[in-house]
Amino acid sequence: MTKMKLNKYIFLFFVILLVAVSSQPCFAQLPPPPPPPPTGPPCWPPPCIPVNSGLIYALGAALLFGVYAIYKSVKSRKAA
């Protein structure tokens, strides 16, 4: 190869390298995407959250368990 062609390839290599390296900061400075639009609560109407009846059953079960634990404790103290 002649020296002129070799210089041409070296110059082309450095130009391509310069373009590749200088294009990266351009992509890094793009603004972030806009946030999603605000929405209301995920599921607020009563049919979505059946807590009322479940809460009553849970409190009833806790009350019955508490009464049973107290009864068992009193019964074991009387036996001793």
N, C-alpha and C. Protein backbone atom coordinates (compact mmCIF):
# COMPACT_ATOMS: atom_id res chain seq x y z
N MET A 1 0.82 -1.17 0.00
CA MET A 1 0.00 0.00 0.00
C MET A 1 0.87 1.24 0.00
N THR A 2 0.36 2.21 -0.64
CA THR A 2 1.14 3.45 -0.66
C THR A 2 0.89 4.23 0.63
N LYS A 3 1.80 5.13 0.86
CA LYS A 3 1.71 5.93 2.08
C LYS A 3 0.47 6.81 2.06
N MET A 4 0.04 7.25 0.92
CA MET A 4 -1.13 8.11 0.79
C MET A 4 -2.40 7.34 1.18
N LYS A 5 -2.53 6.08 0.72
CA LYS A 5 -3.70 5.27 1.06
C LYS A 5 -3.70 4.94 2.54
N LEU A 6 -2.54 4.65 3.11
CA LEU A 6 -2.45 4.32 4.52
C LEU A 6 -2.88 5.53 5.36
N ASN A 7 -2.43 6.72 5.02
CA ASN A 7 -2.83 7.93 5.73
C ASN A 7 -4.34 8.16 5.62
N LYS A 8 -4.90 7.82 4.47
CA LYS A 8 -6.33 7.99 4.25
C LYS A 8 -7.12 7.06 5.18
N TYR A 9 -6.66 5.80 5.33
CA TYR A 9 -7.34 4.85 6.21
C TYR A 9 -7.19 5.24 7.68
N ILE A 10 -6.03 5.72 8.05
CA ILE A 10 -5.82 6.16 9.43
C ILE A 10 -6.72 7.36 9.73
N PHE A 11 -6.81 8.30 8.81
CA PHE A 11 -7.67 9.46 8.99
C PHE A 11 -9.14 9.03 9.09
N LEU A 12 -9.56 8.10 8.23
CA LEU A 12 -10.93 7.61 8.26
C LEU A 12 -11.22 6.89 9.58
N PHE A 13 -10.26 6.11 10.07
CA PHE A 13 -10.42 5.42 11.35
C PHE A 13 -10.63 6.42 12.48
N PHE A 14 -9.84 7.48 12.55
CA PHE A 14 -9.97 8.46 13.61
C PHE A 14 -11.25 9.28 13.50
N VAL A 15 -11.71 9.53 12.29
CA VAL A 15 -12.98 10.25 12.13
C VAL A 15 -14.14 9.39 12.63
N ILE A 16 -14.13 8.11 12.26
CA ILE A 16 -15.19 7.21 12.73
C ILE A 16 -15.13 7.07 14.25
N LEU A 17 -13.93 6.96 14.80
CA LEU A 17 -13.76 6.86 16.24
C LEU A 17 -14.26 8.14 16.92
N LEU A 18 -13.97 9.29 16.37
CA LEU A 18 -14.41 10.56 16.95
C LEU A 18 -15.93 10.67 16.92
N VAL A 19 -16.56 10.26 15.82
CA VAL A 19 -18.02 10.31 15.72
C VAL A 19 -18.66 9.34 16.74
N ALA A 20 -18.10 8.15 16.88
CA ALA A 20 -18.66 7.17 17.80
C ALA A 20 -18.53 7.63 19.25
N VAL A 21 -17.41 8.22 19.60
CA VAL A 21 -17.19 8.66 20.97
C VAL A 21 -17.99 9.92 21.28
N SER A 22 -18.13 10.81 20.33
CA SER A 22 -18.82 12.07 20.60
C SER A 22 -20.34 11.91 20.57
N SER A 23 -20.86 10.84 20.02
CA SER A 23 -22.32 10.69 19.99
C SER A 23 -22.87 10.17 21.31
N GLN A 24 -22.06 9.56 22.15
CA GLN A 24 -22.55 9.03 23.42
C GLN A 24 -23.05 10.11 24.37
N PRO A 25 -22.35 11.23 24.56
CA PRO A 25 -22.89 12.26 25.45
C PRO A 25 -24.20 12.86 24.95
N CYS A 26 -24.43 12.84 23.66
CA CYS A 26 -25.68 13.37 23.14
C CYS A 26 -26.85 12.53 23.61
N PHE A 27 -26.70 11.22 23.64
CA PHE A 27 -27.77 10.35 24.11
C PHE A 27 -27.94 10.46 25.62
N ALA A 28 -26.88 10.73 26.34
CA ALA A 28 -26.96 10.78 27.79
C ALA A 28 -27.67 12.03 28.27
N GLN A 29 -27.79 13.07 27.45
CA GLN A 29 -28.37 14.32 27.90
C GLN A 29 -29.82 14.50 27.46
N LEU A 30 -30.46 13.45 27.01
CA LEU A 30 -31.87 13.57 26.66
C LEU A 30 -32.67 13.77 27.93
N PRO A 31 -33.74 14.54 27.88
CA PRO A 31 -34.54 14.74 29.09
C PRO A 31 -35.26 13.46 29.47
N PRO A 32 -35.53 13.28 30.75
CA PRO A 32 -36.24 12.05 31.17
C PRO A 32 -37.67 12.08 30.63
N PRO A 33 -38.27 10.92 30.48
CA PRO A 33 -39.65 10.90 29.98
C PRO A 33 -40.59 11.52 31.02
N PRO A 34 -41.70 12.07 30.57
CA PRO A 34 -42.62 12.70 31.53
C PRO A 34 -43.24 11.65 32.45
N PRO A 35 -43.58 12.03 33.66
CA PRO A 35 -44.19 11.07 34.58
C PRO A 35 -45.58 10.68 34.09
N PRO A 36 -46.06 9.52 34.51
CA PRO A 36 -47.40 9.12 34.09
C PRO A 36 -48.45 10.05 34.67
N PRO A 37 -49.58 10.16 34.03
CA PRO A 37 -50.61 11.07 34.55
C PRO A 37 -51.13 10.57 35.90
N PRO A 38 -51.46 11.50 36.80
CA PRO A 38 -51.94 11.08 38.11
C PRO A 38 -53.31 10.40 37.99
N THR A 39 -53.50 9.40 38.80
CA THR A 39 -54.78 8.71 38.83
C THR A 39 -55.31 8.74 40.26
N GLY A 40 -56.53 8.36 40.42
CA GLY A 40 -57.14 8.32 41.74
C GLY A 40 -56.66 7.10 42.51
N PRO A 41 -57.30 6.83 43.63
CA PRO A 41 -56.94 5.62 44.39
C PRO A 41 -57.12 4.38 43.53
N PRO A 42 -56.35 3.33 43.76
CA PRO A 42 -56.41 2.16 42.88
C PRO A 42 -57.78 1.51 42.84
N CYS A 43 -58.43 1.39 43.96
CA CYS A 43 -59.74 0.75 43.96
C CYS A 43 -60.48 1.18 45.22
N TRP A 44 -61.14 2.29 45.19
CA TRP A 44 -61.74 2.84 46.39
C TRP A 44 -63.19 2.41 46.62
N PRO A 45 -64.01 2.15 45.63
CA PRO A 45 -65.41 1.82 45.93
C PRO A 45 -65.53 0.56 46.78
N PRO A 46 -66.55 0.46 47.61
CA PRO A 46 -66.71 -0.67 48.52
C PRO A 46 -66.68 -2.06 47.88
N PRO A 47 -67.19 -2.29 46.68
CA PRO A 47 -67.11 -3.66 46.16
C PRO A 47 -65.67 -4.15 45.96
N CYS A 48 -64.71 -3.25 45.85
CA CYS A 48 -63.34 -3.66 45.61
C CYS A 48 -62.65 -4.13 46.89
N ILE A 49 -63.02 -3.58 48.03
CA ILE A 49 -62.31 -3.88 49.27
C ILE A 49 -63.31 -4.46 50.28
N PRO A 50 -63.46 -5.79 50.36
CA PRO A 50 -64.41 -6.38 51.31
C PRO A 50 -63.80 -6.54 52.70
N VAL A 51 -63.50 -5.43 53.36
CA VAL A 51 -62.86 -5.48 54.68
C VAL A 51 -63.91 -5.53 55.78
N ASN A 52 -65.05 -4.94 55.58
CA ASN A 52 -66.04 -4.80 56.64
C ASN A 52 -66.45 -6.14 57.24
N SER A 53 -66.94 -7.07 56.43
CA SER A 53 -67.40 -8.34 56.98
C SER A 53 -66.21 -9.18 57.48
N GLY A 54 -65.10 -9.14 56.78
CA GLY A 54 -63.93 -9.89 57.22
C GLY A 54 -63.39 -9.39 58.54
N LEU A 55 -63.45 -8.09 58.75
CA LEU A 55 -62.98 -7.51 60.00
C LEU A 55 -63.87 -7.92 61.17
N ILE A 56 -65.16 -7.98 60.95
CA ILE A 56 -66.09 -8.40 62.00
C ILE A 56 -65.80 -9.85 62.40
N TYR A 57 -65.60 -10.73 61.42
CA TYR A 57 -65.30 -12.13 61.72
C TYR A 57 -63.96 -12.27 62.46
N ALA A 58 -62.98 -11.50 62.07
CA ALA A 58 -61.67 -11.56 62.73
C ALA A 58 -61.77 -11.09 64.18
N LEU A 59 -62.49 -10.00 64.41
CA LEU A 59 -62.65 -9.52 65.78
C LEU A 59 -63.45 -10.51 66.63
N GLY A 60 -64.47 -11.13 66.03
CA GLY A 60 -65.25 -12.14 66.76
C GLY A 60 -64.39 -13.34 67.12
N ALA A 61 -63.56 -13.80 66.19
CA ALA A 61 -62.68 -14.94 66.47
C ALA A 61 -61.66 -14.57 67.55
N ALA A 62 -61.13 -13.36 67.52
CA ALA A 62 -60.17 -12.93 68.54
C ALA A 62 -60.84 -12.85 69.91
N LEU A 63 -62.09 -12.36 69.94
CA LEU A 63 -62.81 -12.28 71.20
C LEU A 63 -63.06 -13.68 71.77
N LEU A 64 -63.50 -14.60 70.93
CA LEU A 64 -63.74 -15.97 71.40
C LEU A 64 -62.45 -16.63 71.88
N PHE A 65 -61.35 -16.42 71.18
CA PHE A 65 -60.08 -16.99 71.60
C PHE A 65 -59.64 -16.39 72.93
N GLY A 66 -59.84 -15.09 73.13
CA GLY A 66 -59.49 -14.45 74.39
C GLY A 66 -60.31 -15.01 75.54
N VAL A 67 -61.62 -15.19 75.32
CA VAL A 67 -62.48 -15.77 76.35
C VAL A 67 -62.02 -17.18 76.67
N TYR A 68 -61.70 -17.98 75.65
CA TYR A 68 -61.23 -19.35 75.87
C TYR A 68 -59.91 -19.37 76.65
N ALA A 69 -58.97 -18.46 76.33
CA ALA A 69 -57.68 -18.43 77.02
C ALA A 69 -57.87 -18.04 78.48
N ILE A 70 -58.76 -17.07 78.75
CA ILE A 70 -59.00 -16.66 80.14
C ILE A 70 -59.67 -17.80 80.91
N TYR A 71 -60.64 -18.46 80.28
CA TYR A 71 -61.33 -19.59 80.93
C TYR A 71 -60.35 -20.71 81.26
N LYS A 72 -59.47 -21.02 80.32
CA LYS A 72 -58.48 -22.08 80.55
C LYS A 72 -57.52 -21.69 81.67
N SER A 73 -57.12 -20.41 81.71
CA SER A 73 -56.19 -19.94 82.74
C SER A 73 -56.84 -20.01 84.11
N VAL A 74 -58.11 -19.58 84.22
CA VAL A 74 -58.82 -19.62 85.50
C VAL A 74 -59.03 -21.05 85.93
N LYS A 75 -59.39 -21.93 85.02
CA LYS A 75 -59.63 -23.34 85.34
C LYS A 75 -58.34 -24.01 85.85
N SER A 76 -57.19 -23.71 85.23
CA SER A 76 -55.93 -24.32 85.67
C SER A 76 -55.50 -23.78 87.03
N ARG A 77 -55.82 -22.52 87.37
CA ARG A 77 -55.47 -21.96 88.68
C ARG A 77 -56.33 -22.60 89.79
N LYS A 78 -57.59 -22.87 89.48
CA LYS A 78 -58.46 -23.49 90.48
C LYS A 78 -58.04 -24.92 90.76
N ALA A 79 -57.52 -25.63 89.74
CA ALA A 79 -57.11 -27.01 89.92
C ALA A 79 -55.83 -27.11 90.73
N ALA A 80 -54.99 -26.10 90.71
CA ALA A 80 -53.71 -26.15 91.41
C ALA A 80 -53.80 -25.82 92.85
